[in-house]
C-alpha cells in the first residue's frame, strides 16, 4: 500500500499542485544542498569575507536586517523581493552558497526554498556589526559645569565692586589733610590778635603824666 502511494498517488498529486514543477525542483535542490561543505568554506574565508559582508548588510533594507535576527518563513515569503536581491548581493561578493540558493530561488521562488535561505541568513548573522554605543555623560560632571560658571561670575562681580570702591576712597583721603589743616590756621590767627590787645594800655600811660 505504501509503495502504491509513493509511486502513483503522490506523483499525481504533485502534478496537480505543482504544475510548473517549482516545488519538485526546490525539493531536489534541498536534497543536494551540502550545508557542511558551505559551512567549512565560510570558516576558511571568514577574514576575507567579513568587510564585504558587513558592507552588504549595512546597504540592505531594514526588512533584511530584521530577517537576519528573526528568520521566520512567513517573513521570508512576505519580503521575497528583498530576500532575492539580498541573495544576489551576497552572490556578487562570492559568499559561499549564496549563488546556488540565488539561482534556485530564481527558478522555484523563496517559499519552497526557505530552509536554504534560513541557513544562509544564519551564516550571515555573525557578521552583523555590533551597535555603536554613545559615550554617556556622568551626571556629576554635567552638574559641575554650571557651578563653575556661577563661581566665575561671582568672582567677576566682586572684582567690579572693588574697582568701583577705589575712586571713591581717594577723595575721602584727600579731604582728611584739608580738615586737619583748618585748626592750624585758626590758631595762627588767634596768636596774631593777642599782641594788638596788649599794646593798647601802653599807649594810654603817657597821657596820665
Protein backbone atom coordinates (compact mmCIF):
# COMPACT_ATOMS: atom_id res chain seq x y z
CA UNK A 1 0.00 0.00 0.00
CA UNK A 2 2.83 2.41 0.91
CA UNK A 3 4.63 1.72 -2.34
CA UNK A 4 1.47 2.45 -4.34
CA UNK A 5 1.10 5.80 -2.53
CA UNK A 6 4.67 6.82 -3.31
CA UNK A 7 4.77 5.60 -6.88
CA UNK A 8 1.32 6.51 -8.17
CA UNK A 9 -0.77 8.68 -5.84
CA UNK A 10 1.86 11.15 -4.63
CA UNK A 11 3.34 11.91 -8.06
CA UNK A 12 -0.19 12.53 -9.34
CA UNK A 13 -0.93 14.98 -6.53
CA UNK A 14 2.36 16.76 -7.11
CA UNK A 15 1.48 17.25 -10.78
CA UNK A 16 -1.87 18.77 -9.82
CA UNK A 17 -0.49 21.17 -7.19
CA UNK A 18 2.88 21.74 -8.84
CA UNK A 19 2.06 22.16 -12.50
CA UNK A 20 5.18 24.21 -13.24
CA UNK A 21 7.47 21.84 -11.31
CA UNK A 22 8.84 24.56 -8.99
CA UNK A 23 8.22 22.64 -5.79
CA UNK A 24 9.77 19.48 -7.21
CA UNK A 25 12.83 21.43 -8.34
CA UNK A 26 13.12 23.04 -4.92
CA UNK A 27 12.86 19.66 -3.18
CA UNK A 28 15.63 18.25 -5.38
CA UNK A 29 17.81 21.25 -4.68
CA UNK A 30 17.38 20.94 -0.90
CA UNK A 31 18.42 17.30 -1.07
CA UNK A 32 21.65 18.18 -2.84
CA UNK A 33 22.35 21.30 -0.80
CA UNK A 34 25.53 20.45 1.13
CA UNK A 35 25.43 22.58 4.30
CA UNK A 36 28.58 21.09 5.83
CA UNK A 37 30.72 21.93 2.81
CA UNK A 38 29.39 25.51 2.68
CA UNK A 39 29.90 25.96 6.42
CA UNK A 40 33.55 24.86 6.13
CA UNK A 41 34.15 27.21 3.19
CA UNK A 42 32.71 30.16 5.17
CA UNK A 43 35.03 29.43 8.10
CA UNK A 44 38.07 29.25 5.81
CA UNK A 45 37.26 32.61 4.16
CA UNK A 46 35.89 34.39 7.23
CA UNK A 47 38.60 37.08 7.39
CA UNK A 48 38.31 37.80 3.68
CA UNK A 49 34.51 37.84 3.71
CA UNK A 50 33.93 39.97 6.81
CA UNK A 51 34.39 43.51 5.37
CA UNK A 52 32.40 42.63 2.22
CA UNK A 53 29.52 41.06 4.16
CA UNK A 54 29.39 43.97 6.64
CA UNK A 55 29.16 46.43 3.76
CA UNK A 56 26.39 44.37 2.11
CA UNK A 57 24.40 44.15 5.35
CA UNK A 58 24.69 47.88 6.03
CA UNK A 59 23.45 48.63 2.49
CA UNK A 60 20.48 46.27 2.86
CA UNK A 61 16.95 47.50 3.74
CA UNK A 62 15.52 47.23 7.29
CA UNK A 63 13.44 44.19 6.26
CA UNK A 64 16.59 42.16 5.65
CA UNK A 65 18.19 43.29 8.89
CA UNK A 66 15.03 42.19 10.69
CA UNK A 67 15.06 38.83 8.90
CA UNK A 68 18.66 38.15 9.94
CA UNK A 69 17.51 38.47 13.57
CA UNK A 70 14.15 36.71 13.17
CA UNK A 71 14.21 34.12 10.37
CA UNK A 72 10.55 33.16 10.02
CA UNK A 73 9.21 31.52 6.84
CA UNK A 74 6.24 33.90 6.83
CA UNK A 75 8.59 36.91 6.81
CA UNK A 76 10.70 35.40 4.03
CA UNK A 77 7.58 34.93 1.92
CA UNK A 78 6.34 38.46 2.71
CA UNK A 79 9.70 40.05 1.79
CA UNK A 80 10.52 37.75 -1.13
CA UNK A 81 11.71 40.59 -3.40
CA UNK A 82 14.14 41.96 -0.77
CA UNK A 83 15.36 38.43 0.03
CA UNK A 84 16.02 37.67 -3.65
CA UNK A 85 18.03 40.88 -4.05
CA UNK A 86 19.99 40.22 -0.86
CA UNK A 87 20.94 36.74 -2.10
CA UNK A 88 22.09 38.30 -5.40
CA UNK A 89 24.21 40.82 -3.48
CA UNK A 90 25.79 38.02 -1.43
CA UNK A 91 26.48 36.06 -4.62
CA UNK A 92 28.31 39.11 -6.06
CA UNK A 93 30.79 39.06 -3.16
CA UNK A 94 31.21 35.27 -3.52
CA UNK A 95 29.58 34.38 -0.21
CA UNK A 96 29.63 30.56 -0.09
CA UNK A 97 26.28 29.00 -1.01
CA UNK A 98 24.63 32.32 -1.94
CA UNK A 99 24.98 31.79 -5.71
CA UNK A 100 23.45 28.29 -5.52
CA UNK A 101 20.48 29.47 -3.45
CA UNK A 102 20.02 32.59 -5.58
CA UNK A 103 19.81 30.51 -8.80
CA UNK A 104 17.40 28.06 -7.17
CA UNK A 105 15.18 30.92 -5.91
CA UNK A 106 15.04 32.35 -9.45
CA UNK A 107 13.52 29.03 -10.59
CA UNK A 108 11.35 28.00 -7.65
CA UNK A 109 10.73 31.14 -5.58
CA UNK A 110 11.56 31.85 -1.96
CA UNK A 111 8.83 29.91 -0.13
CA UNK A 112 9.80 26.32 -1.10
CA UNK A 113 13.47 27.17 -0.55
CA UNK A 114 13.01 28.73 2.90
CA UNK A 115 15.24 26.13 4.64
CA UNK A 116 18.21 27.01 2.38
CA UNK A 117 17.55 30.76 2.76
CA UNK A 118 17.41 30.44 6.56
CA UNK A 119 20.73 28.59 6.50
CA UNK A 120 22.40 31.41 4.53
CA UNK A 121 20.93 34.04 6.87
CA UNK A 122 22.24 32.07 9.87
CA UNK A 123 25.73 32.19 8.40
CA UNK A 124 25.44 35.91 7.68
CA UNK A 125 24.25 36.76 11.22
CA UNK A 126 27.72 36.54 12.92
CA UNK A 127 28.99 39.23 10.52
CA UNK A 128 26.38 41.77 11.65
CA UNK A 129 28.30 44.66 13.26
CA UNK A 130 27.54 45.39 16.90
CA UNK A 131 25.58 48.62 17.50
CA UNK A 132 27.75 51.60 18.40
CA UNK A 133 27.33 52.80 21.95
CA UNK A 134 27.36 56.55 22.50
CA UNK A 135 29.51 57.72 25.42
CA UNK A 136 27.39 58.50 28.47
CA UNK A 137 27.94 61.79 30.28
CA UNK A 138 28.05 61.33 34.04
CA UNK A 139 25.51 63.49 35.94
CA UNK A 140 28.18 64.77 38.37
CA UNK A 141 30.36 66.09 35.56
CA UNK A 142 27.37 67.68 33.84
CA UNK A 143 26.26 69.36 37.08
CA UNK A 144 29.77 70.68 37.81
CA UNK A 145 29.81 72.89 34.72
CA UNK A 146 27.04 75.31 35.87
CA UNK A 147 28.64 75.51 39.34
CA UNK A 148 31.97 76.58 37.83
CA UNK A 149 30.22 79.21 35.71
CA UNK A 150 28.45 80.60 38.81
CA UNK A 151 31.73 80.84 40.74
CA UNK A 152 33.41 82.67 37.85
CA UNK A 153 30.56 85.17 37.71
CA UNK A 154 30.71 85.81 41.47
CA UNK A 155 34.47 86.49 41.29
CA UNK A 156 33.95 88.90 38.40
CA UNK A 157 31.23 90.79 40.32
CA UNK A 158 33.47 91.11 43.41
CA UNK A 159 36.34 92.47 41.28
CA UNK A 160 33.99 95.05 39.73
CA UNK A 161 32.86 96.19 43.20
CA UNK A 162 36.48 96.61 44.34
CA UNK A 163 37.34 98.68 41.27
CA UNK A 164 34.28 100.92 41.85
CA UNK A 165 35.25 101.45 45.52
CA UNK A 166 38.84 102.63 44.78
CA UNK A 167 37.97 106.03 43.12
CA UNK A 168 35.53 107.00 45.94
CA UNK A 169 38.18 106.28 48.58
CA UNK A 170 40.70 108.71 47.00
CA UNK A 171 38.64 111.92 47.53
CA UNK A 172 37.96 110.88 51.13
CA UNK A 173 41.70 110.53 51.81
CA UNK A 174 42.38 113.91 50.15
CA UNK A 175 39.71 115.60 52.30
CA UNK A 176 41.32 114.46 55.56
CA UNK A 177 44.51 116.65 55.29
CA UNK A 178 42.37 119.67 54.37
CA UNK A 179 40.25 119.26 57.53
CA UNK A 180 43.39 118.76 59.64
CA UNK A 181 44.94 121.97 58.25
CA UNK A 182 41.91 124.13 59.21
CA UNK A 183 42.56 124.23 63.05
CA UNK A 184 46.23 125.25 62.48
CA UNK A 185 45.12 128.33 60.57
CA UNK A 186 42.68 129.32 63.31
CA UNK A 187 45.40 129.06 65.97
CA UNK A 188 47.74 131.27 63.97
CA UNK A 189 45.01 133.94 63.65
CA UNK A 190 44.46 133.97 67.44
CA UNK A 191 48.20 134.37 68.10
CA UNK A 192 48.35 137.44 65.87
CA UNK A 193 45.37 139.04 67.66
CA UNK A 194 46.91 138.90 71.23
CA UNK A 195 49.85 141.39 70.76
CA UNK A 196 47.44 144.07 69.49
CA UNK A 197 45.32 143.89 72.65
CA UNK A 198 48.43 144.17 74.90
CA UNK A 199 49.75 147.28 73.14
CA UNK A 200 46.64 149.35 73.84
CA UNK A 201 47.27 150.06 77.63
CA UNK A 202 50.90 151.04 76.98
CA UNK A 203 49.84 153.86 74.72
CA UNK A 204 47.45 155.30 77.35
CA UNK A 205 50.07 155.76 80.22
CA UNK A 206 51.92 158.95 78.98
CA UNK A 207 48.65 160.91 78.90
CA UNK A 208 48.19 160.47 82.69
CA UNK A 209 51.56 162.18 83.45
